[in-house]
Amino acid sequence: MKKYLVLLLLAIGNFANAQIQIGSNEIPTMNHPGNISAQDLADFKKTTTLFTFQYKDYAQQQQFEKVIKAVWTITPFKIIKPDEMDNYTNQDKYSFFSFGGFMIQHQGSSTLTSSMHLSYDLWLSDVKKNGRINQRFFSRIWLYPNNETFFTAMKSSWLRNKDFSGRMLSFLYNDALLYNWGAGFLKGYLKTVNDRLLTGNVRGPFSEETDNKALSALKRDTLYVPDYVYIHFNALTGAEIKKEEEVDEDLRKAYSFPVKIVPATTLNEMILNENNTIKYLLYVKSSTDKFINVFDGNTGSLLYARYVKISYNFKNKDLNRLEKSID
């Protein structure tokens, strides 16, 4: 595939992180997602959106299709495989959800540091008269990769763009482990993108939200949390280890309402079960930043969103802060 389909957009900028960005910027900066023009939005609404997933996901294609049907109303859609994308990118009647990402370089007085961010991107191919294809971005959903995925991207970033994109394309679609990825988890992300685009409202990178009325139900209803919050990242060694006992103890101290940690696969299944009415938390670490979101599993609605910079792990105070938002 061509390099523009996937990974590297390299730029120099400030902090540029959000779990759900809705806007036109390829590289978002500060809390500016980029405005979406009326013409771009009109062009997008005329397209059929093509969804691509990791190859292993196609064994559960019906589950993904069910989720998309439930929340994606802004355009018709179709599920294709990654290796089919080249059949559509030279046509302006299609938009795409595909894996991607970008790197930010931070220039200090005497240092230059880089941060890698992986994402699931919504974009429209813009075919020029000379045959060149550009991308018009509409949204990025930030992903939480495991160490192997993250460091594979970082180690490969010295390669030329073409080599790097080709290598990471194969890795992302075939081998990458993404903690906050799954058909159930995708439901809340897609509903947020869909509903914002329907109204033409962009969403800034650091936007924080609280639905007080909906969150009040958590006084009695169990909050479900995926078990990957047990994973602790050591910023000095780069190691990932599970600290179940420590997290469980933190939960009891920090959050007095009903809460239960379950395997991420189980939580995905619970969200997909139409008979379940649950609320769940998703935690994302993107490079040096983290995001805490709470969704309604039945509707997919985003109920709570918080951002913390320079933080590598899920902590008790994340739940304590949530509890303080529950009236």
Foldseek 3Di string as FASTA:
>chain_A
DFLVQAEEDEDEAADAAAQKWFEFDPGHHDFDSHAQDPVNLVLALQAEEEEEAAPVCVVVVVLLVVLCVQAADSHHYDYDYPVCCVVDLQDQRYKYWAKYWYKYWYDDPPDIDIFTWIWTWIWTWDADPVRDTDTGTGMTRTWAWALVLRVVLVVLVVDDSRVSSVVNRCCRRYPIDTQQDDSLSVNLSNNVSNVCSVVSHTGTRFDKAADQVVLLCQQAAEEEEAQCLQWFADPVPRDIDGDVVVVVVLQVVQAPGHYDYDHPVVVSVLLSDLVHFHKYWDWHDRGQKIKIWIATSNNSHTHTIGIDGRHGHDGSVVNNVSRVSHD
